């Protein structure tokens, strides 16, 4: 009898929360509260984190929006991360489930694993049962961005399968559609992202987000921050 043992794998995940605050701005996770935005993510090799930084810049460009960047907890032991040659984590603060309730909007980022979000990010969302029970996130806008290893690795399915998490919390999914304009129709260069959100291709890990992919990430941050601000103002 053959026995197969699944090896540990690392995934990057990022989240953003937005808070609209009267004129203040705070980088890291991005969350909008009519005054602020929170961005949360998980990233092992830095691809998702790089997109997250651009999304934060985009959100921060909207007047009255405070953008905050966070990362979700790692679930793999240091020994395994070392064998995977994963670089040390950055000093971006680690978010707790309860802190999500403070945001008015979110942008969640993560790498893919078989067309779905990485396990680290799923583990974080699994810990939000208390927020689900009281529906504290209901009615809040949320976007998604991602990183995959190849062009057929999940640039659409990763976001599509992640939407179920938003639905159960009653959040409002905000895709970028084709609002990025001509950049959405680039055919001469390899470009990540889709109508669901900004994205990049990591390949074997050596490929970095391109200028066009970073521009799309900036656009997503600005776009969802503006929508969060409108919804908060109309409430």
Protein backbone atom coordinates (compact mmCIF):
# COMPACT_ATOMS: atom_id res chain seq x y z
CA UNK A 1 0.00 0.00 0.00
CA UNK A 2 1.29 3.41 -0.91
CA UNK A 3 0.99 6.24 1.57
CA UNK A 4 1.22 9.87 0.52
CA UNK A 5 2.17 12.58 2.95
CA UNK A 6 1.33 16.17 2.05
CA UNK A 7 4.34 18.42 2.53
CA UNK A 8 4.01 21.79 4.19
CA UNK A 9 3.66 24.66 1.80
CA UNK A 10 3.80 28.39 2.24
CA UNK A 11 1.28 30.92 0.97
CA UNK A 12 1.16 34.68 1.04
CA UNK A 13 -1.94 36.38 2.17
CA UNK A 14 -2.77 39.98 2.58
CA UNK A 15 -5.72 41.87 3.84
CA UNK A 16 -6.64 45.47 3.75
CA UNK A 17 -9.15 47.34 5.78
CA UNK A 18 -10.34 50.84 5.09
CA UNK A 19 -11.51 53.47 7.53
CA UNK A 20 -12.67 56.86 6.43
CA UNK A 21 -11.35 59.27 8.98
CA UNK A 22 -11.65 63.01 8.88
CA UNK A 23 -8.43 63.79 7.24
CA UNK A 24 -6.18 61.18 8.72
CA UNK A 25 -4.26 58.51 7.06
CA UNK A 26 -2.68 55.37 8.41
CA UNK A 27 -0.73 52.90 6.32
CA UNK A 28 -0.85 49.13 6.63
CA UNK A 29 -3.79 46.70 6.29
CA UNK A 30 -6.24 49.08 4.70
CA UNK A 31 -9.62 49.62 6.19
CA UNK A 32 -12.11 52.39 5.41
CA UNK A 33 -14.24 53.81 8.09
CA UNK A 34 -15.13 57.22 6.79
CA UNK A 35 -11.94 57.86 7.83
CA UNK A 36 -9.99 54.75 7.30
CA UNK A 37 -9.29 51.61 5.26
CA UNK A 38 -7.62 48.33 6.11
CA UNK A 39 -5.64 46.06 3.85
CA UNK A 40 -4.83 42.59 5.07
CA UNK A 41 -2.64 40.04 3.43
CA UNK A 42 -0.51 36.97 3.74
CA UNK A 43 2.79 36.84 1.90
CA UNK A 44 5.70 34.46 2.11
CA UNK A 45 7.99 35.58 -0.66
CA UNK A 46 6.76 39.16 -0.99
CA UNK A 47 4.66 39.14 -4.18
CA UNK A 48 1.33 39.75 -2.44
CA UNK A 49 2.96 42.22 -0.09
CA UNK A 50 4.27 44.28 -3.01
CA UNK A 51 0.77 44.51 -4.48
CA UNK A 52 -0.60 45.38 -1.05
CA UNK A 53 1.74 48.32 -0.72
CA UNK A 54 0.53 49.74 -4.04
CA UNK A 55 -3.11 49.18 -3.12
CA UNK A 56 -2.49 51.08 0.09
CA UNK A 57 -1.00 53.98 -1.85
CA UNK A 58 -4.03 54.06 -4.12
CA UNK A 59 -6.46 54.08 -1.20
CA UNK A 60 -4.45 56.72 0.56
CA UNK A 61 -4.79 59.01 -2.45
CA UNK A 62 -8.51 59.37 -1.72
CA UNK A 63 -9.19 62.34 0.55
CA UNK A 64 -10.55 61.47 3.97
CA UNK A 65 -9.49 57.83 3.80
CA UNK A 66 -7.09 56.31 6.28
CA UNK A 67 -5.36 53.22 4.91
CA UNK A 68 -3.92 50.60 7.21
CA UNK A 69 -1.94 47.51 6.18
CA UNK A 70 -1.89 44.27 8.16
CA UNK A 71 -0.81 40.68 7.68
CA UNK A 72 -2.48 37.54 8.98
CA UNK A 73 -0.64 35.09 11.28
CA UNK A 74 1.69 32.48 9.83
CA UNK A 75 0.66 28.89 10.54
CA UNK A 76 3.83 27.08 9.47
CA UNK A 77 6.64 26.41 11.97
CA UNK A 78 9.96 28.21 11.55
CA UNK A 79 11.68 24.92 10.70
CA UNK A 80 9.45 24.41 7.68
CA UNK A 81 9.74 28.02 6.56
CA UNK A 82 13.51 27.69 6.72
CA UNK A 83 13.48 24.64 4.46
CA UNK A 84 11.35 26.62 2.02
CA UNK A 85 13.91 29.45 2.02
CA UNK A 86 11.18 31.87 3.03
CA UNK A 87 12.55 35.32 3.93
CA UNK A 88 11.87 36.84 7.38
CA UNK A 89 8.49 38.49 7.87
CA UNK A 90 8.30 42.26 7.61
CA UNK A 91 7.30 44.50 10.50
CA UNK A 92 3.75 44.92 9.18
CA UNK A 93 1.51 44.31 12.24
CA UNK A 94 -0.37 41.03 12.68
CA UNK A 95 -4.13 41.46 12.73
CA UNK A 96 -6.62 39.74 15.03
CA UNK A 97 -10.19 38.85 13.95
CA UNK A 98 -11.75 41.38 16.32
CA UNK A 99 -9.93 44.29 14.67
CA UNK A 100 -11.87 43.75 11.44
CA UNK A 101 -14.97 45.23 13.04
CA UNK A 102 -13.22 48.60 13.29
CA UNK A 103 -12.93 48.97 9.52
CA UNK A 104 -15.42 50.34 7.01
CA UNK A 105 -13.96 48.47 4.05
CA UNK A 106 -11.41 45.80 3.18
CA UNK A 107 -9.08 44.47 0.51
CA UNK A 108 -7.92 40.92 1.11
CA UNK A 109 -4.80 39.56 -0.59
CA UNK A 110 -3.34 36.08 -0.75
CA UNK A 111 -1.52 33.60 -2.98
CA UNK A 112 -3.35 30.65 -4.44
CA UNK A 113 -3.21 26.95 -3.72
CA UNK A 114 -4.98 24.76 -6.28
CA UNK A 115 -7.16 27.68 -7.39
CA UNK A 116 -8.16 28.78 -3.88
CA UNK A 117 -6.82 31.07 -1.15
CA UNK A 118 -3.80 29.93 0.83
CA UNK A 119 -4.43 27.93 4.01
CA UNK A 120 -3.00 30.65 6.26
CA UNK A 121 -5.62 33.13 5.16
CA UNK A 122 -8.43 30.60 5.37
CA UNK A 123 -7.36 29.78 8.92
CA UNK A 124 -7.65 33.45 9.82
CA UNK A 125 -11.14 33.71 8.34
CA UNK A 126 -12.17 30.52 10.13
CA UNK A 127 -11.47 32.38 13.38
CA UNK A 128 -14.04 35.11 12.59
CA UNK A 129 -17.02 33.10 13.83
CA UNK A 130 -17.77 35.65 16.52
CA UNK A 131 -18.04 38.43 13.95
CA UNK A 132 -20.25 36.22 11.77
CA UNK A 133 -22.58 35.44 14.65
CA UNK A 134 -23.22 39.13 15.27
CA UNK A 135 -22.90 40.09 11.57
CA UNK A 136 -20.54 42.93 12.43
CA UNK A 137 -19.04 42.94 8.93
CA UNK A 138 -22.38 42.91 7.08
CA UNK A 139 -22.81 45.68 4.53
CA UNK A 140 -19.11 46.54 4.40
CA UNK A 141 -17.37 46.58 0.96
CA UNK A 142 -14.48 44.21 0.31
CA UNK A 143 -12.10 43.60 -2.57
CA UNK A 144 -9.69 40.77 -3.36
CA UNK A 145 -6.22 40.56 -4.94
CA UNK A 146 -3.96 37.58 -5.51
CA UNK A 147 -0.76 35.96 -6.75
CA UNK A 148 -0.48 32.70 -8.69
CA UNK A 149 2.40 30.59 -9.89
CA UNK A 150 1.31 30.40 -13.52
CA UNK A 151 -1.08 31.97 -16.03
CA UNK A 152 -3.57 29.16 -15.54
CA UNK A 153 -3.03 28.98 -11.80
CA UNK A 154 -6.14 30.73 -10.54
CA UNK A 155 -6.26 34.43 -11.48
CA UNK A 156 -10.07 34.13 -11.51
CA UNK A 157 -10.90 31.03 -9.47
CA UNK A 158 -8.93 32.20 -6.43
CA UNK A 159 -11.15 35.27 -6.12
CA UNK A 160 -14.28 33.42 -7.17
CA UNK A 161 -13.89 30.77 -4.47
CA UNK A 162 -13.01 33.40 -1.87
CA UNK A 163 -16.26 35.28 -2.39
CA UNK A 164 -18.08 32.66 -0.30
CA UNK A 165 -16.29 34.02 2.78
CA UNK A 166 -17.64 37.49 2.07
CA UNK A 167 -21.15 36.20 1.44
CA UNK A 168 -21.49 34.48 4.79
CA UNK A 169 -20.41 37.67 6.54
CA UNK A 170 -22.85 39.74 4.49
CA UNK A 171 -20.05 41.84 3.00
CA UNK A 172 -20.36 43.53 -0.40
CA UNK A 173 -17.88 42.24 -2.98
CA UNK A 174 -16.37 45.09 -5.02
CA UNK A 175 -14.57 43.83 -8.17
CA UNK A 176 -12.62 46.25 -10.35
CA UNK A 177 -14.43 45.09 -13.47
CA UNK A 178 -12.81 46.77 -16.48
CA UNK A 179 -12.38 50.15 -14.80
CA UNK A 180 -8.60 49.90 -15.22
CA UNK A 181 -9.17 50.69 -18.90
CA UNK A 182 -6.65 49.75 -21.59
CA UNK A 183 -4.49 47.95 -19.05
CA UNK A 184 -7.13 45.23 -18.83
CA UNK A 185 -6.65 44.38 -22.50
CA UNK A 186 -2.84 44.14 -22.59
CA UNK A 187 -1.90 41.30 -24.95
CA UNK A 188 1.79 41.90 -25.68
CA UNK A 189 3.05 41.38 -22.14
CA UNK A 190 2.31 38.82 -19.44
CA UNK A 191 0.03 40.51 -16.90
CA UNK A 192 -1.72 39.21 -13.82
CA UNK A 193 -5.06 40.40 -12.52
CA UNK A 194 -8.62 40.04 -13.78
CA UNK A 195 -12.00 41.79 -13.43
CA UNK A 196 -12.08 40.28 -9.94
CA UNK A 197 -9.05 42.23 -8.75
CA UNK A 198 -5.35 42.99 -9.11
CA UNK A 199 -2.93 40.10 -9.43
CA UNK A 200 0.55 38.97 -10.36
CA UNK A 201 2.40 35.83 -11.44
CA UNK A 202 5.15 34.58 -9.13
CA UNK A 203 6.43 31.81 -11.36
CA UNK A 204 9.22 30.00 -9.51
CA UNK A 205 9.43 32.96 -7.16
CA UNK A 206 11.98 34.95 -9.12
CA UNK A 207 9.43 36.95 -11.14
CA UNK A 208 8.37 40.22 -9.52
CA UNK A 209 5.19 42.27 -10.09
CA UNK A 210 5.53 44.34 -13.27
CA UNK A 211 4.92 48.07 -13.54
CA UNK A 212 1.54 47.43 -15.17
CA UNK A 213 0.52 45.02 -12.42
CA UNK A 214 1.51 47.57 -9.78
CA UNK A 215 -0.48 50.26 -11.59
CA UNK A 216 -3.51 48.01 -11.54
CA UNK A 217 -3.03 47.42 -7.81
CA UNK A 218 -2.87 51.20 -7.21
CA UNK A 219 -6.06 51.59 -9.23
CA UNK A 220 -7.84 48.94 -7.18
CA UNK A 221 -6.92 50.63 -3.92
CA UNK A 222 -8.14 54.00 -5.13
CA UNK A 223 -11.30 52.53 -6.64
CA UNK A 224 -12.50 50.61 -3.59
CA UNK A 225 -11.54 53.43 -1.23
CA UNK A 226 -13.74 55.83 -3.21
CA UNK A 227 -16.65 53.38 -3.13
CA UNK A 228 -16.23 52.77 0.59
CA UNK A 229 -16.26 56.50 1.18
CA UNK A 230 -19.47 56.91 -0.82
CA UNK A 231 -21.22 54.10 1.04
CA UNK A 232 -20.13 55.45 4.40
CA UNK A 233 -21.28 58.94 3.49
CA UNK A 234 -24.69 57.67 2.41
CA UNK A 235 -25.26 55.66 5.58
